Structure formats: C-alpha cells, structure tokens
C-alpha cells in the first residue's frame, strides 16, 4: 500500500509539473550572420610513424641455385 501511494504521488507530481501553463510561449530567436563558404581544392596529408610486421614470418627460397636470365612465361 505504501509503495502504491509513493508511485501515485510521484506520477501526480510529474503530471502536474509537465502540464503547468506558466511557460513562456514566445521564444526569442537570435539572428546570426551568415556567410558563403569558400570553394577551393585542399590536399590533406598526414604522416604517421609506424612499424608494420606480419603475423607469420615466411622465407621464400629458390629450389635451384642460379639467376633468372630469360622470362619464358610470355
């Protein structure tokens, strides 16, 4: 019973405060100066310092010794 009365009183207080008519209906609107944007190209670059490491270290080695002298794939 006590909790019901507490909830009811909170509900009534919120309802009365939300529905009060002593609010000002006229909101003053301020005027601000308006300008046009400047149209121009910009280049945005930013350098970051970083080290890149792979998840796995894989070595690539030739099966035979020697150098490639001619590309025969074409």
PDB file of N, CA and C in Angstrom:
ATOM      1  N   UNK A   1       0.828  -1.195   0.000  1.00  0.00           N
ATOM      2  CA  UNK A   1       0.000   0.000   0.000  1.00  0.00           C
ATOM      3  C   UNK A   1       0.869   1.254   0.000  1.00  0.00           C
ATOM      4  N   UNK A   2       1.951   1.192   0.766  1.00  0.00           N
ATOM      5  CA  UNK A   2       2.824   2.351   0.881  1.00  0.00           C
ATOM      6  C   UNK A   2       3.549   2.615  -0.442  1.00  0.00           C
ATOM      7  N   UNK A   3       3.977   1.551  -1.136  1.00  0.00           N
ATOM      8  CA  UNK A   3       4.649   1.716  -2.418  1.00  0.00           C
ATOM      9  C   UNK A   3       3.688   2.263  -3.475  1.00  0.00           C
ATOM     10  N   UNK A   4       2.442   1.802  -3.447  1.00  0.00           N
ATOM     11  CA  UNK A   4       1.454   2.292  -4.400  1.00  0.00           C
ATOM     12  C   UNK A   4       1.221   3.784  -4.216  1.00  0.00           C
ATOM     13  N   UNK A   5       1.143   4.224  -2.957  1.00  0.00           N
ATOM     14  CA  UNK A   5       0.941   5.637  -2.668  1.00  0.00           C
ATOM     15  C   UNK A   5       2.148   6.454  -3.132  1.00  0.00           C
ATOM     16  N   UNK A   6       3.356   5.914  -2.952  1.00  0.00           N
ATOM     17  CA  UNK A   6       4.563   6.621  -3.364  1.00  0.00           C
ATOM     18  C   UNK A   6       4.595   6.758  -4.890  1.00  0.00           C
ATOM     19  N   UNK A   7       4.313   5.662  -5.609  1.00  0.00           N
ATOM     20  CA  UNK A   7       4.290   5.716  -7.063  1.00  0.00           C
ATOM     21  C   UNK A   7       3.215   6.666  -7.573  1.00  0.00           C
ATOM     22  N   UNK A   8       2.066   6.651  -6.947  1.00  0.00           N
ATOM     23  CA  UNK A   8       0.982   7.533  -7.342  1.00  0.00           C
ATOM     24  C   UNK A   8       1.344   8.993  -7.106  1.00  0.00           C
ATOM     25  N   UNK A   9       1.981   9.303  -5.998  1.00  0.00           N
ATOM     26  CA  UNK A   9       2.345  10.696  -5.711  1.00  0.00           C
ATOM     27  C   UNK A   9       3.433  11.184  -6.661  1.00  0.00           C
ATOM     28  N   UNK A  10       4.385  10.316  -7.000  1.00  0.00           N
ATOM     29  CA  UNK A  10       5.419  10.707  -7.969  1.00  0.00           C
ATOM     30  C   UNK A  10       4.783  10.937  -9.329  1.00  0.00           C
ATOM     31  N   UNK A  11       3.866  10.083  -9.736  1.00  0.00           N
ATOM     32  CA  UNK A  11       3.183  10.217 -11.016  1.00  0.00           C
ATOM     33  C   UNK A  11       2.377  11.521 -11.072  1.00  0.00           C
ATOM     34  N   UNK A  12       1.664  11.838 -10.013  1.00  0.00           N
ATOM     35  CA  UNK A  12       0.864  13.066  -9.968  1.00  0.00           C
ATOM     36  C   UNK A  12       1.772  14.289  -9.998  1.00  0.00           C
ATOM     37  N   UNK A  13       2.907  14.245  -9.283  1.00  0.00           N
ATOM     38  CA  UNK A  13       3.830  15.382  -9.272  1.00  0.00           C
ATOM     39  C   UNK A  13       4.415  15.608 -10.664  1.00  0.00           C
ATOM     40  N   UNK A  14       4.792  14.542 -11.357  1.00  0.00           N
ATOM     41  CA  UNK A  14       5.320  14.679 -12.711  1.00  0.00           C
ATOM     42  C   UNK A  14       4.251  15.186 -13.669  1.00  0.00           C
ATOM     43  N   UNK A  15       3.048  14.704 -13.523  1.00  0.00           N
ATOM     44  CA  UNK A  15       1.961  15.129 -14.400  1.00  0.00           C
ATOM     45  C   UNK A  15       1.650  16.607 -14.199  1.00  0.00           C
ATOM     46  N   UNK A  16       1.611  17.063 -12.962  1.00  0.00           N
ATOM     47  CA  UNK A  16       1.296  18.466 -12.685  1.00  0.00           C
ATOM     48  C   UNK A  16       2.426  19.374 -13.168  1.00  0.00           C
ATOM     49  N   UNK A  17       3.673  18.954 -12.963  1.00  0.00           N
ATOM     50  CA  UNK A  17       4.780  19.811 -13.384  1.00  0.00           C
ATOM     51  C   UNK A  17       4.906  19.851 -14.904  1.00  0.00           C
ATOM     52  N   UNK A  18       4.535  18.783 -15.584  1.00  0.00           N
ATOM     53  CA  UNK A  18       4.636  18.756 -17.039  1.00  0.00           C
ATOM     54  C   UNK A  18       3.500  19.530 -17.692  1.00  0.00           C
ATOM     55  N   UNK A  19       2.380  19.620 -17.058  1.00  0.00           N
ATOM     56  CA  UNK A  19       1.216  20.266 -17.661  1.00  0.00           C
ATOM     57  C   UNK A  19       0.995  21.683 -17.155  1.00  0.00           C
ATOM     58  N   UNK A  20       1.944  22.273 -16.490  1.00  0.00           N
ATOM     59  CA  UNK A  20       1.734  23.632 -16.000  1.00  0.00           C
ATOM     60  C   UNK A  20       1.740  24.597 -17.178  1.00  0.00           C
ATOM     61  N   UNK A  21       0.911  25.640 -17.093  1.00  0.00           N
ATOM     62  CA  UNK A  21       0.745  26.560 -18.210  1.00  0.00           C
ATOM     63  C   UNK A  21       1.502  27.863 -18.002  1.00  0.00           C
ATOM     64  N   UNK A  22       2.381  27.961 -17.029  1.00  0.00           N
ATOM     65  CA  UNK A  22       3.101  29.199 -16.798  1.00  0.00           C
ATOM     66  C   UNK A  22       4.402  29.280 -17.600  1.00  0.00           C
ATOM     67  N   UNK A  23       4.517  28.468 -18.629  1.00  0.00           N
ATOM     68  CA  UNK A  23       5.675  28.525 -19.504  1.00  0.00           C
ATOM     69  C   UNK A  23       5.532  29.687 -20.464  1.00  0.00           C
ATOM     70  N   UNK A  24       6.645  30.251 -20.862  1.00  0.00           N
ATOM     71  CA  UNK A  24       6.606  31.341 -21.831  1.00  0.00           C
ATOM     72  C   UNK A  24       6.465  30.745 -23.225  1.00  0.00           C
ATOM     73  N   UNK A  25       5.469  31.199 -23.943  1.00  0.00           N
ATOM     74  CA  UNK A  25       5.211  30.678 -25.279  1.00  0.00           C
ATOM     75  C   UNK A  25       6.105  31.327 -26.335  1.00  0.00           C
ATOM     76  N   UNK A  26       6.569  32.526 -26.060  1.00  0.00           N
ATOM     77  CA  UNK A  26       7.390  33.217 -27.057  1.00  0.00           C
ATOM     78  C   UNK A  26       8.868  32.914 -26.775  1.00  0.00           C
ATOM     79  N   UNK A  27       9.506  32.308 -27.745  1.00  0.00           N
ATOM     80  CA  UNK A  27      10.921  32.002 -27.656  1.00  0.00           C
ATOM     81  C   UNK A  27      11.658  33.031 -28.492  1.00  0.00           C
ATOM     82  N   UNK A  28      12.578  33.746 -27.862  1.00  0.00           N
ATOM     83  CA  UNK A  28      13.312  34.766 -28.612  1.00  0.00           C
ATOM     84  C   UNK A  28      14.351  34.094 -29.495  1.00  0.00           C
ATOM     85  N   UNK A  29      14.313  34.424 -30.766  1.00  0.00           N
ATOM     86  CA  UNK A  29      15.253  33.856 -31.715  1.00  0.00           C
ATOM     87  C   UNK A  29      16.308  34.905 -32.024  1.00  0.00           C
ATOM     88  N   UNK A  30      17.553  34.488 -31.860  1.00  0.00           N
ATOM     89  CA  UNK A  30      18.652  35.397 -32.120  1.00  0.00           C
ATOM     90  C   UNK A  30      19.054  35.317 -33.584  1.00  0.00           C
ATOM     91  N   UNK A  31      19.542  36.410 -34.122  1.00  0.00           N
ATOM     92  CA  UNK A  31      19.985  36.443 -35.510  1.00  0.00           C
ATOM     93  C   UNK A  31      21.498  36.354 -35.536  1.00  0.00           C
ATOM     94  N   UNK A  32      21.990  35.510 -36.434  1.00  0.00           N
ATOM     95  CA  UNK A  32      23.422  35.300 -36.581  1.00  0.00           C
ATOM     96  C   UNK A  32      23.832  35.662 -38.003  1.00  0.00           C
ATOM     97  N   UNK A  33      25.037  36.179 -38.174  1.00  0.00           N
ATOM     98  CA  UNK A  33      25.479  36.493 -39.536  1.00  0.00           C
ATOM     99  C   UNK A  33      25.742  35.216 -40.329  1.00  0.00           C
ATOM    100  N   UNK A  34      25.397  35.256 -41.601  1.00  0.00           N
ATOM    101  CA  UNK A  34      25.551  34.093 -42.480  1.00  0.00           C
ATOM    102  C   UNK A  34      26.558  34.442 -43.563  1.00  0.00           C
ATOM    103  N   UNK A  35      27.486  33.535 -43.807  1.00  0.00           N
ATOM    104  CA  UNK A  35      28.479  33.743 -44.861  1.00  0.00           C
ATOM    105  C   UNK A  35      28.434  32.586 -45.836  1.00  0.00           C
ATOM    106  N   UNK A  36      29.025  32.778 -47.006  1.00  0.00           N
ATOM    107  CA  UNK A  36      29.117  31.724 -48.012  1.00  0.00           C
ATOM    108  C   UNK A  36      30.456  31.025 -47.876  1.00  0.00           C
ATOM    109  N   UNK A  37      30.502  29.723 -48.071  1.00  0.00           N
ATOM    110  CA  UNK A  37      31.776  29.012 -47.957  1.00  0.00           C
ATOM    111  C   UNK A  37      32.688  29.303 -49.147  1.00  0.00           C
ATOM    112  N   UNK A  38      33.981  29.185 -48.896  1.00  0.00           N
ATOM    113  CA  UNK A  38      34.971  29.377 -49.953  1.00  0.00           C
ATOM    114  C   UNK A  38      35.187  28.039 -50.644  1.00  0.00           C
ATOM    115  N   UNK A  39      35.078  28.021 -51.977  1.00  0.00           N
ATOM    116  CA  UNK A  39      35.249  26.794 -52.744  1.00  0.00           C
ATOM    117  C   UNK A  39      36.690  26.747 -53.243  1.00  0.00           C
ATOM    118  N   UNK A  40      37.457  25.749 -52.741  1.00  0.00           N
ATOM    119  CA  UNK A  40      38.833  25.581 -53.182  1.00  0.00           C
ATOM    120  C   UNK A  40      39.275  24.147 -52.921  1.00  0.00           C
ATOM    121  N   UNK A  41      40.241  23.691 -53.720  1.00  0.00           N
ATOM    122  CA  UNK A  41      40.772  22.348 -53.547  1.00  0.00           C
ATOM    123  C   UNK A  41      41.745  22.342 -52.375  1.00  0.00           C
ATOM    124  N   UNK A  42      41.674  21.301 -51.583  1.00  0.00           N
ATOM    125  CA  UNK A  42      42.595  21.153 -50.469  1.00  0.00           C
ATOM    126  C   UNK A  42      43.208  19.770 -50.510  1.00  0.00           C
ATOM    127  N   UNK A  43      44.426  19.690 -50.085  1.00  0.00           N
ATOM    128  CA  UNK A  43      45.118  18.403 -50.010  1.00  0.00           C
ATOM    129  C   UNK A  43      45.386  18.123 -48.536  1.00  0.00           C
ATOM    130  N   UNK A  44      44.872  17.025 -48.068  1.00  0.00           N
ATOM    131  CA  UNK A  44      45.038  16.656 -46.671  1.00  0.00           C
ATOM    132  C   UNK A  44      45.982  15.465 -46.591  1.00  0.00           C
ATOM    133  N   UNK A  45      47.138  15.687 -46.066  1.00  0.00           N
ATOM    134  CA  UNK A  45      48.086  14.599 -45.873  1.00  0.00           C
ATOM    135  C   UNK A  45      48.575  14.649 -44.440  1.00  0.00           C
ATOM    136  N   UNK A  46      48.747  13.504 -43.884  1.00  0.00           N
ATOM    137  CA  UNK A  46      49.257  13.410 -42.522  1.00  0.00           C
ATOM    138  C   UNK A  46      50.114  12.162 -42.438  1.00  0.00           C
ATOM    139  N   UNK A  47      51.348  12.323 -42.027  1.00  0.00           N
ATOM    140  CA  UNK A  47      52.264  11.194 -41.934  1.00  0.00           C
ATOM    141  C   UNK A  47      52.167  10.573 -40.547  1.00  0.00           C
ATOM    142  N   UNK A  48      52.201   9.254 -40.526  1.00  0.00           N
ATOM    143  CA  UNK A  48      52.175   8.513 -39.271  1.00  0.00           C
ATOM    144  C   UNK A  48      53.457   7.693 -39.156  1.00  0.00           C
ATOM    145  N   UNK A  49      53.979   7.604 -37.981  1.00  0.00           N
ATOM    146  CA  UNK A  49      55.157   6.785 -37.731  1.00  0.00           C
ATOM    147  C   UNK A  49      54.668   5.421 -37.279  1.00  0.00           C
ATOM    148  N   UNK A  50      55.097   4.374 -38.013  1.00  0.00           N
ATOM    149  CA  UNK A  50      54.617   3.040 -37.660  1.00  0.00           C
ATOM    150  C   UNK A  50      55.598   1.992 -38.159  1.00  0.00           C
ATOM    151  N   UNK A  51      55.575   0.862 -37.528  1.00  0.00           N
ATOM    152  CA  UNK A  51      56.300  -0.324 -37.968  1.00  0.00           C
ATOM    153  C   UNK A  51      55.267  -1.376 -38.314  1.00  0.00           C
ATOM    154  N   UNK A  52      55.424  -1.981 -39.488  1.00  0.00           N
ATOM    155  CA  UNK A  52      54.466  -2.995 -39.932  1.00  0.00           C
ATOM    156  C   UNK A  52      55.135  -4.351 -39.848  1.00  0.00           C
ATOM    157  N   UNK A  53      54.493  -5.262 -39.156  1.00  0.00           N
ATOM    158  CA  UNK A  53      55.008  -6.619 -39.005  1.00  0.00           C
ATOM    159  C   UNK A  53      53.924  -7.602 -39.435  1.00  0.00           C
ATOM    160  N   UNK A  54      54.359  -8.695 -40.050  1.00  0.00           N
ATOM    161  CA  UNK A  54      53.395  -9.709 -40.469  1.00  0.00           C
ATOM    162  C   UNK A  54      53.077 -10.642 -39.309  1.00  0.00           C
ATOM    163  N   UNK A  55      52.004 -11.381 -39.439  1.00  0.00           N
ATOM    164  CA  UNK A  55      51.636 -12.334 -38.401  1.00  0.00           C
ATOM    165  C   UNK A  55      52.543 -13.557 -38.426  1.00  0.00           C
ATOM    166  N   UNK A  56      53.010 -13.920 -39.619  1.00  0.00           N
ATOM    167  CA  UNK A  56      53.917 -15.054 -39.768  1.00  0.00           C
ATOM    168  C   UNK A  56      55.123 -14.614 -40.577  1.00  0.00           C
ATOM    169  N   UNK A  57      56.277 -15.148 -40.238  1.00  0.00           N
ATOM    170  CA  UNK A  57      57.491 -14.873 -41.000  1.00  0.00           C
ATOM    171  C   UNK A  57      57.724 -16.042 -41.948  1.00  0.00           C
ATOM    172  N   UNK A  58      57.614 -15.785 -43.243  1.00  0.00           N
ATOM    173  CA  UNK A  58      57.759 -16.837 -44.252  1.00  0.00           C
ATOM    174  C   UNK A  58      58.928 -16.469 -45.148  1.00  0.00           C
ATOM    175  N   UNK A  59      59.892 -17.366 -45.273  1.00  0.00           N
ATOM    176  CA  UNK A  59      61.027 -17.141 -46.160  1.00  0.00           C
ATOM    177  C   UNK A  59      60.756 -17.787 -47.508  1.00  0.00           C
ATOM    178  N   UNK A  60      61.032 -17.068 -48.585  1.00  0.00           N
ATOM    179  CA  UNK A  60      60.892 -17.600 -49.933  1.00  0.00           C
ATOM    180  C   UNK A  60      62.290 -17.918 -50.451  1.00  0.00           C
ATOM    181  N   UNK A  61      62.504 -19.171 -50.818  1.00  0.00           N
ATOM    182  CA  UNK A  61      63.807 -19.588 -51.324  1.00  0.00           C
ATOM    183  C   UNK A  61      63.626 -20.348 -52.634  1.00  0.00           C
ATOM    184  N   UNK A  62      64.605 -20.221 -53.490  1.00  0.00           N
ATOM    185  CA  UNK A  62      64.564 -20.933 -54.769  1.00  0.00           C
ATOM    186  C   UNK A  62      64.923 -22.392 -54.547  1.00  0.00           C
ATOM    187  N   UNK A  63      64.376 -23.253 -55.393  1.00  0.00           N
ATOM    188  CA  UNK A  63      64.692 -24.679 -55.302  1.00  0.00           C
ATOM    189  C   UNK A  63      66.034 -24.998 -55.960  1.00  0.00           C
ATOM    190  N   UNK A  64      66.418 -24.184 -56.916  1.00  0.00           N
ATOM    191  CA  UNK A  64      67.694 -24.391 -57.610  1.00  0.00           C
ATOM    192  C   UNK A  64      68.540 -23.137 -57.468  1.00  0.00           C
ATOM    193  N   UNK A  65      69.822 -23.268 -57.577  1.00  0.00           N
ATOM    194  CA  UNK A  65      70.720 -22.123 -57.491  1.00  0.00           C
ATOM    195  C   UNK A  65      70.841 -21.482 -58.858  1.00  0.00           C
ATOM    196  N   UNK A  66      71.103 -20.199 -58.864  1.00  0.00           N
ATOM    197  CA  UNK A  66      71.322 -19.518 -60.131  1.00  0.00           C
ATOM    198  C   UNK A  66      70.510 -18.238 -60.221  1.00  0.00           C
ATOM    199  N   UNK A  67      70.526 -17.604 -61.395  1.00  0.00           N
ATOM    200  CA  UNK A  67      69.845 -16.345 -61.647  1.00  0.00           C
ATOM    201  C   UNK A  67      68.876 -16.516 -62.813  1.00  0.00           C
ATOM    202  N   UNK A  68      67.843 -15.701 -62.846  1.00  0.00           N
ATOM    203  CA  UNK A  68      66.882 -15.726 -63.958  1.00  0.00           C
ATOM    204  C   UNK A  68      67.479 -14.923 -65.097  1.00  0.00           C
ATOM    205  N   UNK A  69      67.633 -15.582 -66.237  1.00  0.00           N
ATOM    206  CA  UNK A  69      68.213 -14.899 -67.401  1.00  0.00           C
ATOM    207  C   UNK A  69      67.152 -14.561 -68.437  1.00  0.00           C
ATOM    208  N   UNK A  70      66.056 -15.309 -68.499  1.00  0.00           N
ATOM    209  CA  UNK A  70      65.060 -15.068 -69.517  1.00  0.00           C
ATOM    210  C   UNK A  70      63.684 -15.382 -68.925  1.00  0.00           C
ATOM    211  N   UNK A  71      62.685 -14.570 -69.266  1.00  0.00           N
ATOM    212  CA  UNK A  71      61.314 -14.784 -68.822  1.00  0.00           C
ATOM    213  C   UNK A  71      60.595 -15.538 -69.922  1.00  0.00           C
ATOM    214  N   UNK A  72      60.266 -16.795 -69.705  1.00  0.00           N
ATOM    215  CA  UNK A  72      59.644 -17.625 -70.743  1.00  0.00           C
ATOM    216  C   UNK A  72      58.131 -17.739 -70.548  1.00  0.00           C
ATOM    217  N   UNK A  73      57.538 -16.926 -69.732  1.00  0.00           N
ATOM    218  CA  UNK A  73      56.084 -17.014 -69.489  1.00  0.00           C
ATOM    219  C   UNK A  73      55.290 -16.367 -70.617  1.00  0.00           C
ATOM    220  N   UNK A  74      55.854 -15.486 -71.387  1.00  0.00           N
ATOM    221  CA  UNK A  74      55.098 -14.787 -72.427  1.00  0.00           C
ATOM    222  C   UNK A  74      55.230 -15.422 -73.735  1.00  0.00           C
TER     223      UNK A  74
END
